[in-house]
Protein backbone atom coordinates (compact mmCIF):
# COMPACT_ATOMS: atom_id res chain seq x y z
CA MET A 1 -33.64 3.50 7.03
CA SER A 2 -37.11 4.23 7.97
CA ARG A 3 -40.27 5.54 6.49
CA ALA A 4 -43.35 6.98 8.17
CA GLY A 5 -45.34 3.69 8.11
CA GLY A 6 -42.38 2.15 9.95
CA PRO A 7 -38.92 0.52 8.80
CA THR A 8 -39.30 -0.64 5.21
CA LEU A 9 -35.45 -1.20 3.97
CA ARG A 10 -32.89 -3.07 6.48
CA LEU A 11 -29.63 -1.02 5.06
CA SER A 12 -27.53 1.50 6.81
CA ALA A 13 -27.19 4.90 5.96
CA ARG A 14 -23.67 4.22 4.87
CA MET A 15 -24.44 1.10 2.93
CA LEU A 16 -27.37 2.95 0.87
CA SER A 17 -24.69 5.82 0.38
CA VAL A 18 -22.44 3.08 -1.15
CA CYS A 19 -24.87 1.80 -3.10
CA LEU A 20 -26.03 4.84 -4.68
CA ASN A 21 -22.41 5.77 -5.37
CA VAL A 22 -21.61 2.42 -6.90
CA ALA A 23 -25.12 2.69 -9.13
CA ALA A 24 -23.99 6.19 -10.12
CA TYR A 25 -20.56 5.17 -11.26
CA ASP A 26 -22.22 1.89 -12.93
CA ARG A 27 -24.15 4.38 -15.09
CA ARG A 28 -20.95 6.61 -16.29
CA ILE A 29 -18.22 4.04 -16.53
CA THR A 30 -19.30 1.28 -19.57
CA ASP A 31 -15.88 -0.70 -19.03
CA GLU A 32 -16.19 -4.49 -18.92
CA ALA A 33 -13.53 -3.97 -16.10
CA TRP A 34 -15.49 -2.18 -13.91
CA ARG A 35 -19.11 -4.19 -14.57
CA GLY A 36 -17.19 -7.16 -13.74
CA LEU A 37 -15.95 -6.09 -9.89
CA ASP A 38 -18.56 -7.09 -7.12
CA LEU A 39 -19.83 -4.46 -4.87
CA GLY A 40 -16.98 -4.99 -2.28
CA ARG A 41 -14.20 -4.12 -4.72
CA LYS A 42 -16.16 -1.48 -6.14
CA GLU A 43 -16.66 0.45 -2.63
CA LEU A 44 -13.01 -0.11 -2.01
CA LEU A 45 -12.32 1.92 -5.41
CA LEU A 46 -15.01 4.73 -4.42
CA PRO A 47 -12.32 6.94 -2.56
CA LEU A 48 -10.19 7.51 -6.29
CA GLY A 49 -12.91 9.59 -7.27
CA ASP A 50 -13.16 10.30 -10.44
CA ASP A 51 -14.41 8.05 -13.94
CA ARG A 52 -10.95 7.66 -15.15
CA ARG A 53 -8.90 6.72 -12.07
CA LEU A 54 -11.89 4.12 -11.46
CA ARG A 55 -11.72 2.71 -14.72
CA ASP A 56 -7.94 2.52 -14.50
CA ALA A 57 -8.11 0.68 -11.10
CA ALA A 58 -10.84 -1.63 -12.08
CA LYS A 59 -8.59 -2.87 -15.02
CA GLN A 60 -5.49 -3.29 -12.35
CA VAL A 61 -7.82 -5.08 -10.10
CA THR A 62 -9.29 -7.28 -12.63
CA THR A 63 -6.02 -8.07 -14.19
CA MET A 64 -3.91 -8.80 -11.34
CA LYS A 65 -6.72 -10.63 -9.57
CA LEU A 66 -6.51 -8.83 -6.31
CA THR A 67 -8.13 -9.50 -2.94
CA LEU A 68 -10.15 -7.61 -0.99
CA ARG A 69 -6.91 -6.32 1.16
CA ALA A 70 -4.80 -5.98 -1.79
CA THR A 71 -7.07 -3.62 -3.36
CA ARG A 72 -7.49 -1.52 -0.37
CA ASP A 73 -3.68 -1.28 -0.16
CA TYR A 74 -3.82 -0.58 -3.72
CA VAL A 75 -6.27 2.20 -3.48
CA THR A 76 -4.04 3.67 -0.88
CA GLY A 77 -0.79 3.63 -2.77
CA VAL A 78 -2.72 5.23 -5.55
CA MET A 79 -3.95 7.94 -3.27
CA ALA A 80 -0.73 8.39 -1.78
CA ARG A 81 1.14 8.86 -5.03
CA ASP A 82 -1.51 11.49 -6.39
CA GLY A 83 -0.87 13.17 -3.00
CA GLY A 84 -4.16 12.36 -1.46
CA GLU A 85 -5.05 10.57 1.42
CA ARG A 86 -8.01 8.28 2.91
CA ALA A 87 -10.94 10.47 4.83
CA VAL A 88 -11.31 9.79 8.37
CA ARG A 89 -14.20 8.15 9.14
CA LEU A 90 -14.35 8.98 12.95
CA THR A 91 -16.16 11.72 13.82
CA ALA A 92 -16.18 13.44 17.13
CA PRO A 93 -20.16 13.02 17.87
CA ARG A 94 -19.31 8.92 16.70
CA LEU A 95 -16.06 9.25 19.42
CA THR A 96 -18.26 10.49 21.84
CA SER A 97 -20.91 8.34 21.59
CA ARG A 98 -18.98 5.11 21.69
CA VAL A 99 -17.00 6.07 24.73
CA ARG A 100 -20.37 7.21 26.51
CA ARG A 101 -21.93 3.86 25.53
CA PHE A 102 -19.12 2.00 27.00
CA ARG A 103 -18.68 4.29 30.32
CA GLU A 104 -22.25 4.10 31.00
CA GLY A 105 -22.18 0.02 30.54
CA VAL A 106 -19.18 -0.59 32.83
CA GLY A 107 -19.86 2.21 35.00
CA ALA A 108 -23.46 1.55 35.98
CA ALA A 109 -24.08 -0.12 39.50
CA GLY A 110 -25.44 -3.31 38.50
CA PHE A 111 -22.42 -4.00 36.46
CA LYS A 112 -20.06 -3.20 39.55
CA ARG A 113 -22.34 -5.69 41.40
CA LYS A 114 -22.13 -8.47 39.05
CA VAL A 115 -18.09 -7.77 38.72
CA GLN A 116 -18.06 -8.05 42.58
CA SER A 117 -20.06 -11.50 42.60
CA LEU A 118 -18.12 -12.71 39.95
CA ALA A 119 -14.64 -11.69 41.38
CA ARG A 120 -15.65 -14.04 44.49
CA THR A 121 -15.98 -17.39 41.91
CA MET A 122 -12.80 -16.61 39.89
CA ASP A 123 -9.31 -18.58 40.17
CA ASP A 124 -6.36 -16.68 40.29
CA ALA A 125 -5.16 -17.29 36.68
CA GLU A 126 -8.80 -15.81 35.52
CA ARG A 127 -8.35 -12.99 38.11
CA ALA A 128 -4.73 -12.31 36.50
CA GLU A 129 -6.13 -12.48 32.82
CA VAL A 130 -9.25 -9.84 33.67
CA THR A 131 -6.70 -7.52 35.49
CA GLN A 132 -4.18 -7.60 32.92
CA GLU A 133 -7.00 -6.48 30.21
CA LEU A 134 -8.27 -3.77 32.38
CA GLU A 135 -4.72 -2.33 32.61
CA ALA A 136 -4.36 -2.60 29.07
CA LEU A 137 -7.69 -0.55 28.60
CA ARG A 138 -6.61 1.97 31.27
CA ASP A 139 -3.09 2.48 29.16
CA ALA A 140 -5.36 2.56 25.82
CA THR A 141 -7.70 4.84 27.50
CA SER A 142 -4.36 7.12 28.69
CA GLY A 143 -2.95 7.27 25.35
CA LEU A 144 -6.18 8.38 23.68
CA LEU A 145 -6.62 11.38 26.15
CA ARG A 146 -2.79 12.39 25.47
CA ALA A 147 -3.71 12.40 21.92
CA LEU A 148 -6.88 14.53 22.49
CA LYS A 149 -5.06 17.18 24.74
CA LYS A 150 -2.33 17.37 22.28
CA GLY A 151 -4.79 18.18 19.23
């Protein structure tokens, strides 16, 4: 984040939001199970959204000594049981900017010249490996295009 005088807090907007949410729940939930959890597990429990569910989940995570992956799976299961599902974190502007950055990086004339120069020095195994990855990339982008067109 930045202020008028320049950058002062090296924290992403997402992490700042997580910290504020956890701090708010820390004030409301006084249960020892919740207090004993680390920030990573508390972050994974946030999608549950209300004090009672968070308290119960914290007790379960603490009692079962769940790993981060198991905690994520537990939250997904609780949400599915209650009829909810995880929010999609990918937005249209974010997808557009990621695709644009990639395209501008590999589509630049300078990059193409570097690839042509590299191609002259590559052996057959390296060339086959790069070709295989590029074909996999083409297939992946074709799949993304189909998914977007179907809507």
